[in-house]
Structures are given as C-alpha cells and as structure tokens.
Amino acid sequence: MKITSTTPAAAVLDAARAPGPVAMTAAAEEAATRAKTYGIASVGVRTTVHTGAIGYYVAKIAEAGLVGIGFVAGMPNMGYTGAKGRAVATSPLAVAVPAREHAPLLLDMATATIALGKIRQAKAAGTPLPEVAAATADGTPTTDPERAALPLPLGGAKGSGMSLAFELLTSVMVGAPILTAFHWDDPAGREHRQSALLIAVDPAAFGGATDGFLADVDATLSTLKGLPAADGAHYPGERGAATARERAEHGIPLAPKVWQRLTEAAGERGVALPPTVGTSTAERA
C-alpha cells in the first residue's frame, strides 16, 4: 500500500488490492493522526477489496476522541429506482461520535433496505425476507431468500441517490471509477474492488473543549433515553455495544449451516476449532 498527499488534511491510500480490513485500518489511523494536527482530515482509499463493517473503522477514529465519518462504494449489486438488474452498489455510510459515560454513537447503514449478508443469513437459516427488501435477477420483489438475487435500495429513490453520490465521493474522487467500468462490460471492470473515504474531525477545532463536547454528547444521549417510552428508545450503536460485551463473554452464535461450513473448511486446512457451547438452533464459538 502507498499513501500520497498534496495537502496536509487530505491523502489517498492506494491499497493495491490489500484486504479491506488492512487498508481501512491504515486509512483510519492516517485520518486520525492528521486530524489531531489539522482539526479535520480525510483519506480516500483506492482499490481495496471487501471492507466488511465500516462502522468498525469510524469507531476506531472515535476511540481517539474524534468524530469519524466513512463512505464505501463497490461493485454494482443492488437495484436502482427506474433501472433493471444490478445497477449500483449497496454503498454504506457510517458515523461514530465519541461519548464519555455512554457507548459512542455509531451509525452504520447501507443504502440498501437489507444487506447482502442478511440475505445470506436468511438463506442459511431458511427464514423469509422482509417485504420490498430484495428482488430476483429480473427485478421482481421477493421474500424468498433462495430466489433473492439483489437487495433493493432503501427508500427507493433516496437509497438509489445516496449510493450514486457515494460512488462519486469515493471511487470517482480517487480516480478509480467502478460504476462506469462495470457497465461498459470491460472484463477488467468486473474484477471485484471497493473504494472508500474516511473523515476524522477533532471537536476541539470548533472552539470548544473536548471534555465539554463529550459531556454534551452524553447529555444529548441521556435526553433521548429519558423520553417517554414506547418500546424503549435506543440510539445507533447502543445495542451493538451491548452485544459486543455479551459475545465477548459468552461467544458468537452461528447458524448450524454456517458452523458446518466452518467445520469442514477447518478440517480441510488442519485448523483447530475454537471451543463451542451447543444449543438447539446454533453453536456459540
């Protein structure tokens, strides 16, 4: 990987097809380091592969006391309002805001109604998909995970527009367009790749003390939590933080088919499996 920069607050990381977690972690560290000096910094990532949950990388920025913002674009795998078949990517957005007493706010969402991973999970578990979340290859909406070929955009034209905007802010910004190359039927354009933009912001750069900002974030989240309850108000990232604590202590639940595939793969490669606790529906690894 190589980092180039023409201005102190911006850089491009050419990932050279490095794994997404490697490239994105490096980009997050670079953005955080520059933001601590210049108040705000952005790092574009060119030609990485599957990045996974981008909330992880903006959360790492938040751990440094900074606000983290991230966008990712990839291969077209989602419908676009008014077009047939795979048109744009399920390009996600993530925002992390640090707090002092509360778990950080962590918004991590795709521009699709449902993530591809959720479709695969539903297929493995044999459970139906939500209405208007996925479609067959010809664009017909379906709740059958066996027939689902692509997710549909969140909010129709809204999700479509967000995905297109994120392609421009990432791939096009770093000089490596994905969308056009894919639809031109250039064989090289079908090679899997992703691009990203990570932004780190130092709250202190806006004239206030960091401690004061964190206190105000806590107050804001406490105010939300104190509103009259219906089903109980949760802010983005709150449940995820609780789930992370629970799974760190008790293990990660896996669908039986997933555990079977992992067991087979481990056996083929001579990899020892972690200890598990079996249940009637899943294993915990």
Protein backbone atom coordinates (compact mmCIF):
# COMPACT_ATOMS: atom_id res chain seq x y z
CA MET A 1 0.00 0.00 0.00
CA LYS A 2 1.11 3.56 -0.64
CA ILE A 3 -0.08 6.88 0.78
CA THR A 4 0.15 10.06 -1.30
CA SER A 5 -0.83 13.56 -0.25
CA THR A 6 -0.86 17.01 -1.82
CA THR A 7 -2.29 18.86 1.20
CA PRO A 8 -1.89 18.25 4.95
CA ALA A 9 -5.56 17.50 5.62
CA ALA A 10 -6.13 15.04 2.77
CA ALA A 11 -4.46 11.88 1.49
CA VAL A 12 -5.06 8.92 -0.80
CA LEU A 13 -4.18 5.39 0.20
CA ASP A 14 -3.58 3.18 -2.85
CA ALA A 15 -4.41 -0.21 -1.34
CA ALA A 16 -3.14 -2.29 -4.30
CA ARG A 17 -5.92 -4.82 -3.57
CA ALA A 18 -4.92 -5.25 0.06
CA PRO A 19 -7.68 -6.81 2.18
CA GLY A 20 -10.29 -4.29 3.25
CA PRO A 21 -9.61 -4.54 6.99
CA VAL A 22 -5.89 -3.91 6.40
CA ALA A 23 -6.41 -0.93 4.09
CA MET A 24 -9.27 0.64 6.05
CA THR A 25 -7.50 0.33 9.39
CA ALA A 26 -4.45 2.06 7.93
CA ALA A 27 -6.67 4.79 6.46
CA ALA A 28 -8.45 5.33 9.78
CA GLU A 29 -5.14 5.68 11.60
CA GLU A 30 -3.87 8.12 8.98
CA ALA A 31 -7.03 10.23 9.15
CA ALA A 32 -6.97 10.34 12.96
CA THR A 33 -3.30 11.32 13.08
CA ARG A 34 -3.77 14.16 10.62
CA ALA A 35 -6.98 15.39 12.27
CA LYS A 36 -5.25 15.75 15.63
CA THR A 37 -2.86 18.19 13.98
CA TYR A 38 -5.10 19.97 11.47
CA GLY A 39 -8.54 19.67 13.06
CA ILE A 40 -10.03 17.69 10.19
CA ALA A 41 -8.60 15.18 7.74
CA SER A 42 -9.83 12.86 5.02
CA VAL A 43 -8.27 9.78 3.48
CA GLY A 44 -9.54 8.27 0.24
CA VAL A 45 -8.92 4.56 -0.31
CA ARG A 46 -8.34 3.31 -3.84
CA THR A 47 -8.64 -0.31 -4.99
CA THR A 48 -9.15 -2.33 -1.86
CA VAL A 49 -11.40 -5.39 -1.61
CA HIS A 50 -14.30 -6.23 0.71
CA THR A 51 -14.15 -3.83 3.66
CA GLY A 52 -16.65 -5.54 5.95
CA ALA A 53 -18.50 -3.44 8.54
CA ILE A 54 -17.25 0.12 8.03
CA GLY A 55 -18.59 1.10 11.42
CA TYR A 56 -15.53 -0.63 12.86
CA TYR A 57 -13.17 1.87 11.24
CA VAL A 58 -15.04 5.02 12.22
CA ALA A 59 -15.33 3.55 15.72
CA LYS A 60 -11.53 3.35 15.84
CA ILE A 61 -11.45 7.07 14.98
CA ALA A 62 -13.95 7.74 17.79
CA GLU A 63 -11.73 5.84 20.23
CA ALA A 64 -9.16 8.60 19.60
CA GLY A 65 -11.69 11.20 20.77
CA LEU A 66 -12.56 12.27 17.23
CA VAL A 67 -15.71 12.12 15.14
CA GLY A 68 -15.40 9.54 12.37
CA ILE A 69 -17.33 9.55 9.09
CA GLY A 70 -16.99 6.93 6.37
CA PHE A 71 -18.36 6.07 2.94
CA VAL A 72 -17.68 2.98 0.83
CA ALA A 73 -18.57 2.12 -2.77
CA GLY A 74 -18.13 -1.18 -4.54
CA MET A 75 -19.31 -3.41 -7.34
CA PRO A 76 -22.90 -2.91 -8.53
CA ASN A 77 -25.01 -5.41 -6.62
CA MET A 78 -28.25 -3.50 -5.92
CA GLY A 79 -31.18 -2.25 -7.92
CA TYR A 80 -31.63 1.42 -8.81
CA THR A 81 -35.05 3.03 -8.97
CA GLY A 82 -36.18 3.02 -12.59
CA ALA A 83 -33.49 0.59 -13.82
CA LYS A 84 -33.41 -3.20 -14.17
CA GLY A 85 -30.95 -5.62 -12.60
CA ARG A 86 -27.75 -4.76 -10.75
CA ALA A 87 -27.19 -1.04 -11.22
CA VAL A 88 -25.36 0.45 -8.22
CA ALA A 89 -23.68 -0.78 -5.04
CA THR A 90 -25.12 -1.17 -1.55
CA SER A 91 -22.72 1.63 -0.62
CA PRO A 92 -22.72 2.15 3.16
CA LEU A 93 -22.39 5.20 5.38
CA ALA A 94 -21.02 5.17 8.92
CA VAL A 95 -20.72 7.87 11.59
CA ALA A 96 -19.14 7.49 15.03
CA VAL A 97 -19.34 10.17 17.75
CA PRO A 98 -17.40 9.63 20.98
CA ALA A 99 -19.00 9.98 24.39
CA ARG A 100 -17.72 9.78 27.94
CA GLU A 101 -20.35 7.97 30.02
CA HIS A 102 -22.33 6.36 27.23
CA ALA A 103 -21.22 3.99 24.49
CA PRO A 104 -20.30 6.03 21.41
CA LEU A 105 -23.00 6.79 18.89
CA LEU A 106 -22.28 4.51 15.95
CA LEU A 107 -24.48 4.72 12.87
CA ASP A 108 -23.58 2.08 10.28
CA MET A 109 -26.06 1.64 7.45
CA ALA A 110 -26.14 0.50 3.86
CA THR A 111 -28.07 2.28 1.15
CA ALA A 112 -29.99 -0.97 0.64
CA THR A 113 -33.14 -1.97 2.51
CA ILE A 114 -31.29 -5.12 3.56
CA ALA A 115 -27.62 -6.06 3.50
CA LEU A 116 -26.39 -8.87 1.26
CA GLY A 117 -25.07 -10.59 4.37
CA LYS A 118 -28.58 -10.61 5.84
CA ILE A 119 -29.89 -12.28 2.68
CA ARG A 120 -27.22 -14.97 3.02
CA GLN A 121 -28.06 -15.41 6.71
CA ALA A 122 -31.77 -15.77 5.88
CA LYS A 123 -30.91 -18.34 3.22
CA ALA A 124 -28.76 -20.30 5.65
CA ALA A 125 -31.43 -20.15 8.35
CA GLY A 126 -34.37 -20.74 6.00
CA THR A 127 -36.23 -17.63 7.15
CA PRO A 128 -38.21 -15.27 4.86
CA LEU A 129 -37.00 -11.79 3.98
CA PRO A 130 -38.92 -8.59 4.78
CA GLU A 131 -41.29 -7.20 2.17
CA VAL A 132 -39.78 -4.94 -0.54
CA ALA A 133 -36.24 -5.69 0.63
CA ALA A 134 -34.91 -7.88 -2.17
CA ALA A 135 -35.62 -8.86 -5.75
CA THR A 136 -34.99 -11.68 -8.19
CA ALA A 137 -32.48 -11.25 -11.01
CA ASP A 138 -35.17 -9.72 -13.24
CA GLY A 139 -36.10 -7.14 -10.59
CA THR A 140 -39.25 -8.80 -9.20
CA PRO A 141 -39.57 -8.20 -5.42
CA THR A 142 -39.42 -11.41 -3.38
CA THR A 143 -39.34 -12.52 0.25
CA ASP A 144 -37.81 -15.91 -0.65
CA PRO A 145 -34.07 -15.85 0.19
CA GLU A 146 -33.50 -18.73 -2.25
CA ARG A 147 -34.78 -16.59 -5.14
CA ALA A 148 -33.35 -13.26 -3.99
CA ALA A 149 -30.54 -12.09 -6.26
CA LEU A 150 -30.13 -8.46 -5.26
CA PRO A 151 -31.25 -6.09 -2.50
CA LEU A 152 -33.45 -3.09 -3.23
CA PRO A 153 -32.47 0.50 -2.33
CA LEU A 154 -33.54 1.95 1.00
CA GLY A 155 -36.47 4.30 0.48
CA GLY A 156 -36.45 3.77 -3.28
CA ALA A 157 -35.03 6.87 -4.96
CA LYS A 158 -33.43 8.05 -1.70
CA GLY A 159 -31.24 4.97 -1.32
CA SER A 160 -30.50 4.98 -5.05
CA GLY A 161 -29.34 8.59 -4.91
CA MET A 162 -27.19 8.02 -1.84
CA SER A 163 -25.42 5.10 -3.47
CA LEU A 164 -24.67 7.12 -6.59
CA ALA A 165 -23.40 10.04 -4.50
CA PHE A 166 -21.07 7.74 -2.54
CA GLU A 167 -19.63 6.35 -5.77
CA LEU A 168 -18.73 9.92 -6.76
CA LEU A 169 -17.29 10.75 -3.32
CA THR A 170 -15.10 7.64 -3.23
CA SER A 171 -14.28 5.84 -6.48
CA VAL A 172 -14.52 8.85 -8.79
CA MET A 173 -12.81 11.14 -6.26
CA VAL A 174 -9.71 8.92 -6.13
CA GLY A 175 -9.60 8.43 -9.89
CA ALA A 176 -10.78 4.82 -9.98
CA PRO A 177 -14.43 4.78 -11.12
CA ILE A 178 -16.17 1.47 -10.51
CA LEU A 179 -19.69 2.04 -11.84
CA THR A 180 -18.75 3.08 -15.38
CA ALA A 181 -16.14 0.36 -15.83
CA PHE A 182 -18.63 -2.28 -14.67
CA HIS A 183 -21.41 -1.23 -17.05
CA TRP A 184 -19.07 -0.80 -20.03
CA ASP A 185 -18.59 -4.58 -19.97
CA ASP A 186 -14.82 -4.19 -19.79
CA PRO A 187 -13.54 -7.53 -18.38
CA ALA A 188 -11.24 -5.60 -16.05
CA GLY A 189 -14.26 -3.65 -14.84
CA ARG A 190 -15.77 -6.84 -13.40
CA GLU A 191 -12.80 -7.50 -11.10
CA HIS A 192 -14.02 -7.13 -7.53
CA ARG A 193 -12.83 -3.99 -5.80
CA GLN A 194 -14.03 -1.27 -3.44
CA SER A 195 -13.11 2.30 -2.63
CA ALA A 196 -13.73 4.46 0.42
CA LEU A 197 -13.47 7.85 2.05
CA LEU A 198 -12.78 8.23 5.77
CA ILE A 199 -13.04 11.60 7.51
CA ALA A 200 -11.85 12.41 11.02
CA VAL A 201 -12.94 15.58 12.83
CA ASP A 202 -11.49 16.95 16.06
CA PRO A 203 -14.33 18.58 18.05
CA ALA A 204 -11.81 20.89 19.71
CA ALA A 205 -11.14 22.50 16.31
CA PHE A 206 -14.54 24.17 16.55
CA GLY A 207 -13.53 26.29 19.53
CA GLY A 208 -14.77 24.24 22.44
CA ALA A 209 -13.04 21.93 24.86
CA THR A 210 -13.14 18.22 24.07
CA ASP A 211 -14.42 17.46 27.59
CA GLY A 212 -17.28 19.87 27.07
CA PHE A 213 -18.18 18.22 23.77
CA LEU A 214 -18.18 14.76 25.32
CA ALA A 215 -20.35 16.00 28.20
CA ASP A 216 -22.83 17.48 25.72
CA VAL A 217 -22.92 14.23 23.74
CA ASP A 218 -23.67 12.36 26.95
CA ALA A 219 -26.40 14.86 27.83
CA THR A 220 -27.94 14.51 24.36
CA LEU A 221 -27.98 10.72 24.54
CA SER A 222 -29.34 10.80 28.11
CA THR A 223 -32.10 13.15 26.98
CA LEU A 224 -33.07 10.73 24.22
CA LYS A 225 -33.06 7.83 26.67
CA GLY A 226 -35.23 9.86 29.05
CA LEU A 227 -38.05 10.49 26.57
CA PRO A 228 -41.42 8.88 27.33
CA ALA A 229 -41.01 5.21 26.50
CA ALA A 230 -42.93 3.32 23.85
CA ASP A 231 -40.80 0.29 23.09
CA GLY A 232 -37.72 1.98 24.54
CA ALA A 233 -35.55 4.41 22.61
CA HIS A 234 -32.12 3.20 21.55
CA TYR A 235 -29.52 5.31 19.81
CA PRO A 236 -27.33 3.92 16.99
CA GLY A 237 -24.53 1.80 18.41
CA GLU A 238 -26.07 1.24 21.84
CA ARG A 239 -27.35 -2.25 21.16
CA GLY A 240 -24.20 -3.11 19.22
CA ALA A 241 -22.02 -2.18 22.19
CA ALA A 242 -24.14 -4.36 24.49
CA THR A 243 -24.00 -7.24 22.01
CA ALA A 244 -20.21 -6.92 21.75
CA ARG A 245 -19.88 -7.19 25.54
CA GLU A 246 -22.21 -10.19 25.69
CA ARG A 247 -20.49 -12.05 22.87
CA ALA A 248 -17.03 -11.33 24.23
CA GLU A 249 -18.11 -13.14 27.38
CA HIS A 250 -20.38 -15.89 26.03
CA GLY A 251 -19.34 -16.45 22.41
CA ILE A 252 -20.76 -15.70 18.98
CA PRO A 253 -23.94 -17.51 17.83
CA LEU A 254 -23.67 -19.17 14.42
CA ALA A 255 -26.38 -20.77 12.28
CA PRO A 256 -25.96 -24.57 12.00
CA LYS A 257 -25.17 -24.40 8.27
CA VAL A 258 -22.51 -21.74 8.86
CA TRP A 259 -20.93 -23.79 11.64
CA GLN A 260 -20.95 -26.88 9.41
CA ARG A 261 -19.17 -24.99 6.60
CA LEU A 262 -16.59 -23.60 9.02
CA THR A 263 -16.02 -27.06 10.47
CA GLU A 264 -15.47 -28.54 7.01
CA ALA A 265 -13.13 -25.71 5.98
CA ALA A 266 -11.14 -26.04 9.20
CA GLY A 267 -10.82 -29.79 8.69
CA GLU A 268 -9.56 -29.34 5.12
CA ARG A 269 -6.89 -26.89 6.29
CA GLY A 270 -5.94 -28.51 9.57
CA VAL A 271 -7.12 -25.54 11.64
CA ALA A 272 -8.20 -26.19 15.22
CA LEU A 273 -11.75 -25.12 16.01
CA PRO A 274 -12.48 -22.88 18.99
CA PRO A 275 -14.41 -24.33 21.94
CA THR A 276 -18.17 -24.19 21.49
CA VAL A 277 -21.34 -24.40 23.51
CA GLY A 278 -24.12 -26.10 21.53
CA THR A 279 -27.77 -25.06 21.59
CA SER A 280 -30.85 -26.42 19.86
CA THR A 281 -30.54 -23.94 16.99
CA ALA A 282 -26.94 -22.79 16.86
CA GLU A 283 -23.42 -23.08 18.11
CA ARG A 284 -21.57 -20.42 20.04
CA ALA A 285 -17.92 -20.08 19.08
